Amino acid sequence: MHIEARLRELGLSLPPPPQLPAGTRLPFTAVRLIGNWALISGHGPQAPDGTLAQPIGKVGTDVTAEQASAAARLVALSVLGSLQRALTDLDRITSWVRVYGMVNAAPGFTALPDVINGFSDLILEVFGSQIGQHARSAVGMAELPWNIPVEVEAEVLFRPF
């Protein structure tokens, strides 16, 4: 398993399924598989136990750009965990197609690409440029669920069994 070995080499581990705040109902799937295409719902940063990672708040006031970039790396691990559960083998991924990064931005905070680079950089570190290169957007939002600093949704192509 190339990708799992690469994760271990980088000292990274995938979190368990998210443990969301009490009373939360999410009537959709984290990963929707259609043919060889995986649509990944928005993910937030997870702590190793599956809970929402800290810090939370607006980037540019409550959370620094560096902390938000680190949170975006945690989002990448969360997404990889969901893909692992959906595909059973991350080596099935043949191409990262698109990444849509959302930042809980304070008014005037414009370093949105720098924040989402945390996600993109991790994907490229793990998959290399051949598979990991992707199209991307990085946008600021007035609010994100549970006041998380960053949320990412994505699309990947994968090979069938």
Protein backbone atom coordinates (compact mmCIF):
# COMPACT_ATOMS: atom_id res chain seq x y z
CA MET A 1 0.00 0.00 0.00
CA HIS A 2 1.89 3.01 -1.31
CA ILE A 3 -0.31 5.79 0.15
CA GLU A 4 -0.61 4.23 3.61
CA ALA A 5 3.19 3.79 3.66
CA ARG A 6 3.64 7.41 2.60
CA LEU A 7 1.34 8.59 5.40
CA ARG A 8 3.39 6.59 7.94
CA GLU A 9 6.63 7.94 6.45
CA LEU A 10 5.31 11.48 7.00
CA GLY A 11 4.24 10.61 10.55
CA LEU A 12 0.56 11.14 9.72
CA SER A 13 -2.47 9.14 10.79
CA LEU A 14 -6.06 9.34 9.65
CA PRO A 15 -8.77 10.27 12.16
CA PRO A 16 -11.85 8.13 12.85
CA PRO A 17 -15.27 9.22 11.58
CA PRO A 18 -16.15 12.71 12.84
CA GLN A 19 -17.75 13.06 16.26
CA LEU A 20 -20.04 16.04 15.74
CA PRO A 21 -21.65 18.23 18.40
CA ALA A 22 -24.65 16.70 20.18
CA GLY A 23 -27.92 17.12 18.34
CA THR A 24 -26.27 17.49 14.93
CA ARG A 25 -28.06 15.74 12.07
CA LEU A 26 -26.35 15.43 8.71
CA PRO A 27 -28.68 13.64 6.24
CA PHE A 28 -26.03 13.06 3.57
CA THR A 29 -22.92 11.00 2.99
CA ALA A 30 -19.35 12.20 3.49
CA VAL A 31 -18.31 10.67 0.15
CA ARG A 32 -20.65 10.01 -2.78
CA LEU A 33 -19.29 7.48 -5.28
CA ILE A 34 -20.60 7.71 -8.86
CA GLY A 35 -18.82 5.44 -11.33
CA ASN A 36 -15.13 6.25 -10.86
CA TRP A 37 -15.82 9.71 -9.44
CA ALA A 38 -15.92 10.56 -5.73
CA LEU A 39 -17.64 13.73 -4.55
CA ILE A 40 -16.43 14.65 -1.08
CA SER A 41 -18.75 16.67 1.13
CA GLY A 42 -17.38 19.59 3.13
CA HIS A 43 -15.04 18.47 5.91
CA GLY A 44 -13.68 20.42 8.85
CA PRO A 45 -10.53 19.94 10.92
CA GLN A 46 -10.59 16.93 13.23
CA ALA A 47 -8.56 16.15 16.33
CA PRO A 48 -7.05 12.63 16.47
CA ASP A 49 -10.07 11.38 18.47
CA GLY A 50 -12.53 12.54 15.78
CA THR A 51 -13.83 15.63 17.58
CA LEU A 52 -13.60 19.12 16.07
CA ALA A 53 -10.02 20.39 16.31
CA GLN A 54 -9.13 23.62 18.05
CA PRO A 55 -8.74 26.53 17.62
CA ILE A 56 -12.07 27.69 16.30
CA GLY A 57 -13.15 31.14 15.20
CA LYS A 58 -12.59 33.70 12.50
CA VAL A 59 -9.29 33.66 10.67
CA GLY A 60 -7.64 37.05 11.00
CA THR A 61 -9.00 37.78 14.49
CA ASP A 62 -9.47 34.60 16.60
CA VAL A 63 -7.25 32.30 14.54
CA THR A 64 -3.98 33.20 12.82
CA ALA A 65 -3.34 32.39 9.17
CA GLU A 66 -0.71 29.86 10.31
CA GLN A 67 -3.15 28.14 12.67
CA ALA A 68 -5.77 28.06 9.90
CA SER A 69 -3.27 26.55 7.46
CA ALA A 70 -2.49 23.86 10.06
CA ALA A 71 -6.26 23.31 10.40
CA ALA A 72 -6.48 22.90 6.61
CA ARG A 73 -3.87 20.11 6.90
CA LEU A 74 -6.13 18.44 9.46
CA VAL A 75 -9.03 18.80 7.02
CA ALA A 76 -6.95 16.96 4.41
CA LEU A 77 -6.45 14.09 6.88
CA SER A 78 -10.18 14.10 7.63
CA VAL A 79 -10.97 13.89 3.92
CA LEU A 80 -8.44 11.07 3.46
CA GLY A 81 -10.06 9.21 6.36
CA SER A 82 -13.47 9.47 4.70
CA LEU A 83 -12.02 8.37 1.36
CA GLN A 84 -10.30 5.41 3.05
CA ARG A 85 -13.63 4.31 4.53
CA ALA A 86 -15.45 4.77 1.19
CA LEU A 87 -12.83 3.24 -1.12
CA THR A 88 -11.09 0.86 1.35
CA ASP A 89 -7.78 1.60 -0.40
CA LEU A 90 -6.38 5.10 -1.03
CA ASP A 91 -4.17 3.68 -3.78
CA ARG A 92 -7.33 3.47 -5.91
CA ILE A 93 -7.25 7.27 -6.28
CA THR A 94 -6.01 8.11 -9.77
CA SER A 95 -6.46 11.89 -9.74
CA TRP A 96 -7.35 14.74 -7.42
CA VAL A 97 -9.62 16.81 -9.64
CA ARG A 98 -10.92 19.78 -7.69
CA VAL A 99 -10.61 21.31 -4.21
CA TYR A 100 -12.98 24.00 -2.93
CA GLY A 101 -11.62 25.64 0.22
CA MET A 102 -13.70 27.85 2.47
CA VAL A 103 -12.21 30.07 5.16
CA ASN A 104 -14.17 31.53 8.09
CA ALA A 105 -12.66 34.93 7.34
CA ALA A 106 -12.77 38.03 9.48
CA PRO A 107 -13.64 41.20 7.53
CA GLY A 108 -10.56 42.31 5.62
CA PHE A 109 -8.71 38.98 5.85
CA THR A 110 -7.61 38.19 2.29
CA ALA A 111 -4.82 35.59 2.65
CA LEU A 112 -7.33 32.87 1.78
CA PRO A 113 -5.04 30.99 -0.65
CA ASP A 114 -2.32 30.78 2.03
CA VAL A 115 -4.76 29.08 4.39
CA ILE A 116 -5.99 26.51 1.85
CA ASN A 117 -2.38 25.81 0.84
CA GLY A 118 -2.26 23.71 4.02
CA PHE A 119 -4.74 21.30 2.42
CA SER A 120 -3.16 21.34 -1.04
CA ASP A 121 0.38 20.94 0.27
CA LEU A 122 -0.55 17.83 2.27
CA ILE A 123 -2.33 16.23 -0.69
CA LEU A 124 0.72 16.89 -2.89
CA GLU A 125 3.09 15.54 -0.19
CA VAL A 126 1.10 12.32 0.08
CA PHE A 127 0.13 11.69 -3.56
CA GLY A 128 2.84 13.51 -5.51
CA SER A 129 2.12 15.93 -8.34
CA GLN A 130 1.10 13.25 -10.87
CA ILE A 131 -2.02 12.26 -8.88
CA GLY A 132 -2.27 15.06 -6.31
CA GLN A 133 -2.28 18.11 -8.61
CA HIS A 134 -5.76 19.67 -8.60
CA ALA A 135 -7.79 22.70 -9.60
CA ARG A 136 -8.71 24.83 -6.59
CA SER A 137 -10.70 27.71 -5.20
CA ALA A 138 -10.11 29.46 -1.88
CA VAL A 139 -12.94 31.70 -0.73
CA GLY A 140 -13.85 33.62 2.40
CA MET A 141 -17.11 32.96 4.19
CA ALA A 142 -19.01 35.00 6.75
CA GLU A 143 -19.55 31.87 8.89
CA LEU A 144 -18.78 28.16 8.85
CA PRO A 145 -20.47 25.37 10.84
CA TRP A 146 -19.58 25.28 14.55
CA ASN A 147 -17.31 28.29 13.97
CA ILE A 148 -14.58 26.10 12.43
CA PRO A 149 -11.83 28.12 10.71
CA VAL A 150 -11.75 26.15 7.46
CA GLU A 151 -13.87 23.69 5.47
CA VAL A 152 -12.96 21.88 2.26
CA GLU A 153 -14.91 19.85 -0.27
CA ALA A 154 -13.24 18.00 -3.13
CA GLU A 155 -13.56 15.64 -6.08
CA VAL A 156 -11.31 12.72 -6.99
CA LEU A 157 -11.23 10.04 -9.64
CA PHE A 158 -10.51 6.45 -8.65
CA ARG A 159 -10.05 3.09 -10.30
CA PRO A 160 -12.67 0.38 -9.77
CA PHE A 161 -11.75 -2.85 -7.95
